[in-house]
Amino acid sequence: MALPCLSGLISRDGMARVSISAEVHRFLSANIRPGDIVIDATLGNGHDALFLAGHIGEGGHLFGFDIQAAAVNNTLKRLTSHQLDHRATLIMKSHACMADSVPEQFHGHVKCIMFNLGYLPGFDKSVTTLPESTLSALDIALHLLSEDGVISILAYSGHPGGADECSVVRAWASQLPAALYKASVSEALYDHNLPPEWTLISRTEA
């Protein structure tokens, strides 16, 4: 599964600004179907959660994680404003706790797991995701993923500790067994030298 090149702040025509998350959502939308179980591993302000909840239909369910109450509350408000809160279970815990918080019946059946690493926009920038817990969460995500599922990771190097986390994600993806997983990496076309990296993990076809 080849990734498109993310356009970042510069649009395809070089004029309008384009949301990186919107580019990721556009690509992932083809992989999510009504009835799917999905995870937002880093709720933030709820944009990924809203995208996921909007694609899983009434028969699907979203599990969302964040350590900050503001992130959980903001996501709940966003989902409620779109009348999608009943499709979600939001949990104020680290993404490293996903295995204990997602019911065992869904282990191995999660269609899409999204990570948007870094800090919560608009809040304390010193509170960030950390390489150690992110690495644990990524290992857990492999266990939770369905055979046709995908793991999407947006990692940013522009904040303190971000470069280390990007390196950890890159190294983790590179050592996955090729017989089981395919890892694709796309770097955004940004107008500065610290572009975000988008990593997509999918199961390889038998």
C-alpha atoms as a PDB file:
ATOM      1  CA  MET A   1       0.000   0.000   0.000  1.00  0.00           C
ATOM      2  CA  ALA A   2       1.847   3.061  -1.241  1.00  0.00           C
ATOM      3  CA  LEU A   3       1.372   6.351   0.559  1.00  0.00           C
ATOM      4  CA  PRO A   4       0.753   9.605  -1.280  1.00  0.00           C
ATOM      5  CA  CYS A   5       3.213  12.411  -0.639  1.00  0.00           C
ATOM      6  CA  LEU A   6       1.715  14.645   2.020  1.00  0.00           C
ATOM      7  CA  SER A   7       1.280  18.200   0.863  1.00  0.00           C
ATOM      8  CA  GLY A   8       1.655  19.722   4.321  1.00  0.00           C
ATOM      9  CA  LEU A   9       1.196  23.472   4.448  1.00  0.00           C
ATOM     10  CA  ILE A  10       1.546  23.829   0.689  1.00  0.00           C
ATOM     11  CA  SER A  11      -1.316  22.672  -1.484  1.00  0.00           C
ATOM     12  CA  ARG A  12      -0.981  20.850  -4.786  1.00  0.00           C
ATOM     13  CA  ASP A  13      -1.405  24.132  -6.663  1.00  0.00           C
ATOM     14  CA  GLY A  14       0.994  25.957  -4.374  1.00  0.00           C
ATOM     15  CA  MET A  15      -1.700  28.320  -3.152  1.00  0.00           C
ATOM     16  CA  ALA A  16      -4.207  27.159  -0.535  1.00  0.00           C
ATOM     17  CA  ARG A  17      -3.172  25.631   2.739  1.00  0.00           C
ATOM     18  CA  VAL A  18      -3.942  21.916   3.138  1.00  0.00           C
ATOM     19  CA  SER A  19      -4.400  20.084   6.432  1.00  0.00           C
ATOM     20  CA  ILE A  20      -1.991  17.191   6.866  1.00  0.00           C
ATOM     21  CA  SER A  21      -4.608  15.340   8.914  1.00  0.00           C
ATOM     22  CA  ALA A  22      -7.118  15.833   6.121  1.00  0.00           C
ATOM     23  CA  GLU A  23      -4.690  14.222   3.676  1.00  0.00           C
ATOM     24  CA  VAL A  24      -4.312  11.242   6.005  1.00  0.00           C
ATOM     25  CA  HIS A  25      -8.078  11.002   6.493  1.00  0.00           C
ATOM     26  CA  ARG A  26      -8.644  11.061   2.745  1.00  0.00           C
ATOM     27  CA  PHE A  27      -6.290   8.144   2.264  1.00  0.00           C
ATOM     28  CA  LEU A  28      -7.574   6.069   5.199  1.00  0.00           C
ATOM     29  CA  SER A  29     -11.248   6.544   4.346  1.00  0.00           C
ATOM     30  CA  ALA A  30     -11.019   3.757   1.755  1.00  0.00           C
ATOM     31  CA  ASN A  31      -9.963   1.281   4.462  1.00  0.00           C
ATOM     32  CA  ILE A  32     -12.736   1.826   7.028  1.00  0.00           C
ATOM     33  CA  ARG A  33     -16.202   0.326   6.662  1.00  0.00           C
ATOM     34  CA  PRO A  34     -19.445   0.397   8.673  1.00  0.00           C
ATOM     35  CA  GLY A  35     -19.222  -2.058  11.538  1.00  0.00           C
ATOM     36  CA  ASP A  36     -15.460  -1.711  12.020  1.00  0.00           C
ATOM     37  CA  ILE A  37     -13.740  -1.454  15.389  1.00  0.00           C
ATOM     38  CA  VAL A  38     -11.227   1.414  15.404  1.00  0.00           C
ATOM     39  CA  ILE A  39      -8.884   3.147  17.851  1.00  0.00           C
ATOM     40  CA  ASP A  40      -7.730   6.736  18.225  1.00  0.00           C
ATOM     41  CA  ALA A  41      -4.620   6.243  20.348  1.00  0.00           C
ATOM     42  CA  THR A  42      -4.048   9.979  20.911  1.00  0.00           C
ATOM     43  CA  LEU A  43      -7.332  11.889  21.103  1.00  0.00           C
ATOM     44  CA  GLY A  44      -5.967  15.425  21.026  1.00  0.00           C
ATOM     45  CA  ASN A  45      -8.816  17.767  20.136  1.00  0.00           C
ATOM     46  CA  GLY A  46     -10.890  14.989  18.589  1.00  0.00           C
ATOM     47  CA  HIS A  47     -10.376  15.469  14.850  1.00  0.00           C
ATOM     48  CA  ASP A  48      -9.197  11.905  14.208  1.00  0.00           C
ATOM     49  CA  ALA A  49     -11.883  10.524  16.516  1.00  0.00           C
ATOM     50  CA  LEU A  50     -14.575  12.398  14.582  1.00  0.00           C
ATOM     51  CA  PHE A  51     -13.213  11.066  11.300  1.00  0.00           C
ATOM     52  CA  LEU A  52     -13.182   7.484  12.591  1.00  0.00           C
ATOM     53  CA  ALA A  53     -16.615   7.659  14.243  1.00  0.00           C
ATOM     54  CA  GLY A  54     -18.084   9.064  11.059  1.00  0.00           C
ATOM     55  CA  HIS A  55     -16.922   6.090   8.996  1.00  0.00           C
ATOM     56  CA  ILE A  56     -17.783   3.113  11.212  1.00  0.00           C
ATOM     57  CA  GLY A  57     -21.556   3.403  11.084  1.00  0.00           C
ATOM     58  CA  GLU A  58     -23.974   2.420  13.828  1.00  0.00           C
ATOM     59  CA  GLY A  59     -22.538  -1.098  14.064  1.00  0.00           C
ATOM     60  CA  GLY A  60     -18.962  -0.012  14.622  1.00  0.00           C
ATOM     61  CA  HIS A  61     -17.203   1.322  17.694  1.00  0.00           C
ATOM     62  CA  LEU A  62     -14.363   3.698  18.472  1.00  0.00           C
ATOM     63  CA  PHE A  63     -12.039   3.408  21.461  1.00  0.00           C
ATOM     64  CA  GLY A  64     -10.128   6.608  22.189  1.00  0.00           C
ATOM     65  CA  PHE A  65      -7.203   7.243  24.545  1.00  0.00           C
ATOM     66  CA  ASP A  66      -5.480  10.281  26.004  1.00  0.00           C
ATOM     67  CA  ILE A  67      -3.848  11.067  29.350  1.00  0.00           C
ATOM     68  CA  GLN A  68      -5.253  14.608  29.479  1.00  0.00           C
ATOM     69  CA  ALA A  69      -8.763  15.382  30.661  1.00  0.00           C
ATOM     70  CA  ALA A  70      -8.932  18.341  28.260  1.00  0.00           C
ATOM     71  CA  ALA A  71      -8.349  16.021  25.304  1.00  0.00           C
ATOM     72  CA  VAL A  72     -11.048  13.588  26.411  1.00  0.00           C
ATOM     73  CA  ASN A  73     -13.503  16.416  27.098  1.00  0.00           C
ATOM     74  CA  ASN A  74     -12.784  18.207  23.828  1.00  0.00           C
ATOM     75  CA  THR A  75     -13.222  14.983  21.882  1.00  0.00           C
ATOM     76  CA  LEU A  76     -16.479  14.182  23.646  1.00  0.00           C
ATOM     77  CA  LYS A  77     -17.820  17.651  22.832  1.00  0.00           C
ATOM     78  CA  ARG A  78     -16.827  17.286  19.195  1.00  0.00           C
ATOM     79  CA  LEU A  79     -18.438  13.862  18.866  1.00  0.00           C
ATOM     80  CA  THR A  80     -21.571  14.994  20.700  1.00  0.00           C
ATOM     81  CA  SER A  81     -21.963  18.022  18.444  1.00  0.00           C
ATOM     82  CA  HIS A  82     -22.124  15.602  15.500  1.00  0.00           C
ATOM     83  CA  GLN A  83     -24.348  13.137  17.380  1.00  0.00           C
ATOM     84  CA  LEU A  84     -21.654  10.448  17.225  1.00  0.00           C
ATOM     85  CA  ASP A  85     -20.723  10.138  20.903  1.00  0.00           C
ATOM     86  CA  HIS A  86     -22.726   6.899  21.261  1.00  0.00           C
ATOM     87  CA  ARG A  87     -20.293   5.208  18.880  1.00  0.00           C
ATOM     88  CA  ALA A  88     -17.297   5.884  21.121  1.00  0.00           C
ATOM     89  CA  THR A  89     -15.707   4.866  24.399  1.00  0.00           C
ATOM     90  CA  LEU A  90     -13.218   7.526  25.521  1.00  0.00           C
ATOM     91  CA  ILE A  91     -10.624   6.519  28.103  1.00  0.00           C
ATOM     92  CA  MET A  92      -8.328   8.853  30.055  1.00  0.00           C
ATOM     93  CA  LYS A  93      -5.307   6.573  29.999  1.00  0.00           C
ATOM     94  CA  SER A  94      -2.053   6.256  28.114  1.00  0.00           C
ATOM     95  CA  HIS A  95      -2.168   4.527  24.753  1.00  0.00           C
ATOM     96  CA  ALA A  96       0.206   2.018  26.370  1.00  0.00           C
ATOM     97  CA  CYS A  97      -2.876   0.757  28.259  1.00  0.00           C
ATOM     98  CA  MET A  98      -4.873  -0.118  25.136  1.00  0.00           C
ATOM     99  CA  ALA A  99      -4.643  -3.880  25.610  1.00  0.00           C
ATOM    100  CA  ASP A 100      -6.206  -3.716  29.074  1.00  0.00           C
ATOM    101  CA  SER A 101      -8.910  -1.233  28.064  1.00  0.00           C
ATOM    102  CA  VAL A 102     -10.122  -2.663  24.756  1.00  0.00           C
ATOM    103  CA  PRO A 103     -12.344  -5.714  25.385  1.00  0.00           C
ATOM    104  CA  GLU A 104     -10.553  -8.969  24.615  1.00  0.00           C
ATOM    105  CA  GLN A 105     -13.201  -9.931  22.066  1.00  0.00           C
ATOM    106  CA  PHE A 106     -11.875  -7.162  19.813  1.00  0.00           C
ATOM    107  CA  HIS A 107      -8.199  -8.129  20.082  1.00  0.00           C
ATOM    108  CA  GLY A 108      -7.035  -9.037  16.603  1.00  0.00           C
ATOM    109  CA  HIS A 109     -10.111  -7.414  15.054  1.00  0.00           C
ATOM    110  CA  VAL A 110      -9.327  -3.662  15.079  1.00  0.00           C
ATOM    111  CA  LYS A 111      -9.435  -2.266  11.535  1.00  0.00           C
ATOM    112  CA  CYS A 112      -7.651   1.067  11.993  1.00  0.00           C
ATOM    113  CA  ILE A 113      -5.452   2.486  14.769  1.00  0.00           C
ATOM    114  CA  MET A 114      -4.426   6.131  14.504  1.00  0.00           C
ATOM    115  CA  PHE A 115      -1.556   7.843  16.330  1.00  0.00           C
ATOM    116  CA  ASN A 116      -1.042  11.617  16.090  1.00  0.00           C
ATOM    117  CA  LEU A 117       1.972  12.135  18.312  1.00  0.00           C
ATOM    118  CA  GLY A 118       3.270  15.223  20.088  1.00  0.00           C
ATOM    119  CA  TYR A 119       1.392  17.662  22.330  1.00  0.00           C
ATOM    120  CA  LEU A 120      -2.222  18.787  22.642  1.00  0.00           C
ATOM    121  CA  PRO A 121      -2.640  21.881  20.422  1.00  0.00           C
ATOM    122  CA  GLY A 122      -3.701  24.916  22.423  1.00  0.00           C
ATOM    123  CA  PHE A 123      -2.546  23.484  25.751  1.00  0.00           C
ATOM    124  CA  ASP A 124       0.669  22.826  27.694  1.00  0.00           C
ATOM    125  CA  LYS A 125       3.336  21.974  25.103  1.00  0.00           C
ATOM    126  CA  SER A 126       5.503  20.357  27.776  1.00  0.00           C
ATOM    127  CA  VAL A 127       3.018  17.481  28.051  1.00  0.00           C
ATOM    128  CA  THR A 128       3.824  15.254  25.094  1.00  0.00           C
ATOM    129  CA  THR A 129       3.731  11.668  24.008  1.00  0.00           C
ATOM    130  CA  LEU A 130       6.963   9.898  24.975  1.00  0.00           C
ATOM    131  CA  PRO A 131       9.121   7.460  23.003  1.00  0.00           C
ATOM    132  CA  GLU A 132       8.902   4.715  25.636  1.00  0.00           C
ATOM    133  CA  SER A 133       5.113   4.659  25.965  1.00  0.00           C
ATOM    134  CA  THR A 134       4.656   5.178  22.231  1.00  0.00           C
ATOM    135  CA  LEU A 135       6.856   2.153  21.510  1.00  0.00           C
ATOM    136  CA  SER A 136       4.826   0.047  23.950  1.00  0.00           C
ATOM    137  CA  ALA A 137       1.600   1.262  22.357  1.00  0.00           C
ATOM    138  CA  LEU A 138       2.824   0.409  18.859  1.00  0.00           C
ATOM    139  CA  ASP A 139       3.666  -3.138  19.930  1.00  0.00           C
ATOM    140  CA  ILE A 140       0.201  -3.455  21.470  1.00  0.00           C
ATOM    141  CA  ALA A 141      -1.366  -2.065  18.286  1.00  0.00           C
ATOM    142  CA  LEU A 142       0.110  -4.964  16.297  1.00  0.00           C
ATOM    143  CA  HIS A 143      -1.598  -7.388  18.670  1.00  0.00           C
ATOM    144  CA  LEU A 144      -4.938  -5.590  18.360  1.00  0.00           C
ATOM    145  CA  LEU A 145      -4.839  -5.166  14.567  1.00  0.00           C
ATOM    146  CA  SER A 146      -7.043  -7.228  12.262  1.00  0.00           C
ATOM    147  CA  GLU A 147      -5.564  -9.140   9.329  1.00  0.00           C
ATOM    148  CA  ASP A 148      -6.661  -6.393   6.929  1.00  0.00           C
ATOM    149  CA  GLY A 149      -6.084  -3.534   9.357  1.00  0.00           C
ATOM    150  CA  VAL A 150      -3.813  -0.491   9.224  1.00  0.00           C
ATOM    151  CA  ILE A 151      -1.842   1.537  11.755  1.00  0.00           C
ATOM    152  CA  SER A 152      -1.367   5.214  10.895  1.00  0.00           C
ATOM    153  CA  ILE A 153       1.284   7.262  12.722  1.00  0.00           C
ATOM    154  CA  LEU A 154       1.911  10.988  12.360  1.00  0.00           C
ATOM    155  CA  ALA A 155       5.124  11.953  14.167  1.00  0.00           C
ATOM    156  CA  TYR A 156       6.547  15.450  14.566  1.00  0.00           C
ATOM    157  CA  SER A 157      10.133  16.451  15.295  1.00  0.00           C
ATOM    158  CA  GLY A 158       9.641  20.172  15.918  1.00  0.00           C
ATOM    159  CA  HIS A 159       8.994  20.046  19.677  1.00  0.00           C
ATOM    160  CA  PRO A 160      11.366  18.992  22.499  1.00  0.00           C
ATOM    161  CA  GLY A 161      11.661  15.203  22.435  1.00  0.00           C
ATOM    162  CA  GLY A 162       9.887  14.970  19.095  1.00  0.00           C
ATOM    163  CA  ALA A 163      12.998  14.060  17.116  1.00  0.00           C
ATOM    164  CA  ASP A 164      13.704  11.157  19.462  1.00  0.00           C
ATOM    165  CA  GLU A 165      10.126   9.934  19.107  1.00  0.00           C
ATOM    166  CA  CYS A 166      10.342  10.157  15.307  1.00  0.00           C
ATOM    167  CA  SER A 167      13.520   8.084  15.424  1.00  0.00           C
ATOM    168  CA  VAL A 168      11.882   5.483  17.642  1.00  0.00           C
ATOM    169  CA  VAL A 169       8.892   5.171  15.304  1.00  0.00           C
ATOM    170  CA  ARG A 170      11.148   4.933  12.264  1.00  0.00           C
ATOM    171  CA  ALA A 171      13.326   2.253  13.855  1.00  0.00           C
ATOM    172  CA  TRP A 172      10.311   0.290  15.085  1.00  0.00           C
ATOM    173  CA  ALA A 173       8.723   0.266  11.631  1.00  0.00           C
ATOM    174  CA  SER A 174      11.965  -0.737   9.915  1.00  0.00           C
ATOM    175  CA  GLN A 175      12.415  -3.872  12.034  1.00  0.00           C
ATOM    176  CA  LEU A 176       8.923  -5.306  11.520  1.00  0.00           C
ATOM    177  CA  PRO A 177       9.080  -8.717   9.833  1.00  0.00           C
ATOM    178  CA  ALA A 178       8.516  -8.197   6.119  1.00  0.00           C
ATOM    179  CA  ALA A 179       6.715 -11.524   5.887  1.00  0.00           C
ATOM    180  CA  LEU A 180       3.957 -10.133   8.116  1.00  0.00           C
ATOM    181  CA  TYR A 181       3.882  -6.356   7.714  1.00  0.00           C
ATOM    182  CA  LYS A 182       4.455  -3.653   5.151  1.00  0.00           C
ATOM    183  CA  ALA A 183       5.702  -0.276   6.365  1.00  0.00           C
ATOM    184  CA  SER A 184       5.451   2.849   4.209  1.00  0.00           C
ATOM    185  CA  VAL A 185       6.795   6.272   5.168  1.00  0.00           C
ATOM    186  CA  SER A 186       5.892   9.624   3.628  1.00  0.00           C
ATOM    187  CA  GLU A 187       7.419  12.974   4.535  1.00  0.00           C
ATOM    188  CA  ALA A 188       5.315  16.091   4.160  1.00  0.00           C
ATOM    189  CA  LEU A 189       6.358  18.824   1.750  1.00  0.00           C
ATOM    190  CA  TYR A 190       6.719  21.559   4.333  1.00  0.00           C
ATOM    191  CA  ASP A 191       8.162  25.026   3.975  1.00  0.00           C
ATOM    192  CA  HIS A 192      10.691  24.420   6.754  1.00  0.00           C
ATOM    193  CA  ASN A 193      13.168  21.666   7.549  1.00  0.00           C
ATOM    194  CA  LEU A 194      11.191  19.845  10.269  1.00  0.00           C
ATOM    195  CA  PRO A 195       8.406  18.130   8.329  1.00  0.00           C
ATOM    196  CA  PRO A 196       6.125  15.568   9.995  1.00  0.00           C
ATOM    197  CA  GLU A 197       6.518  11.934   9.030  1.00  0.00           C
ATOM    198  CA  TRP A 198       3.569   9.698   8.227  1.00  0.00           C
ATOM    199  CA  THR A 199       4.084   5.971   8.719  1.00  0.00           C
ATOM    200  CA  LEU A 200       1.514   3.429   7.637  1.00  0.00           C
ATOM    201  CA  ILE A 201       1.671  -0.211   8.740  1.00  0.00           C
ATOM    202  CA  SER A 202      -0.436  -2.839   7.013  1.00  0.00           C
ATOM    203  CA  ARG A 203      -0.487  -6.620   7.016  1.00  0.00           C
ATOM    204  CA  THR A 204       1.222  -8.135   3.989  1.00  0.00           C
ATOM    205  CA  GLU A 205      -0.904 -10.258   1.708  1.00  0.00           C
ATOM    206  CA  ALA A 206      -0.445 -14.001   2.075  1.00  0.00           C
END
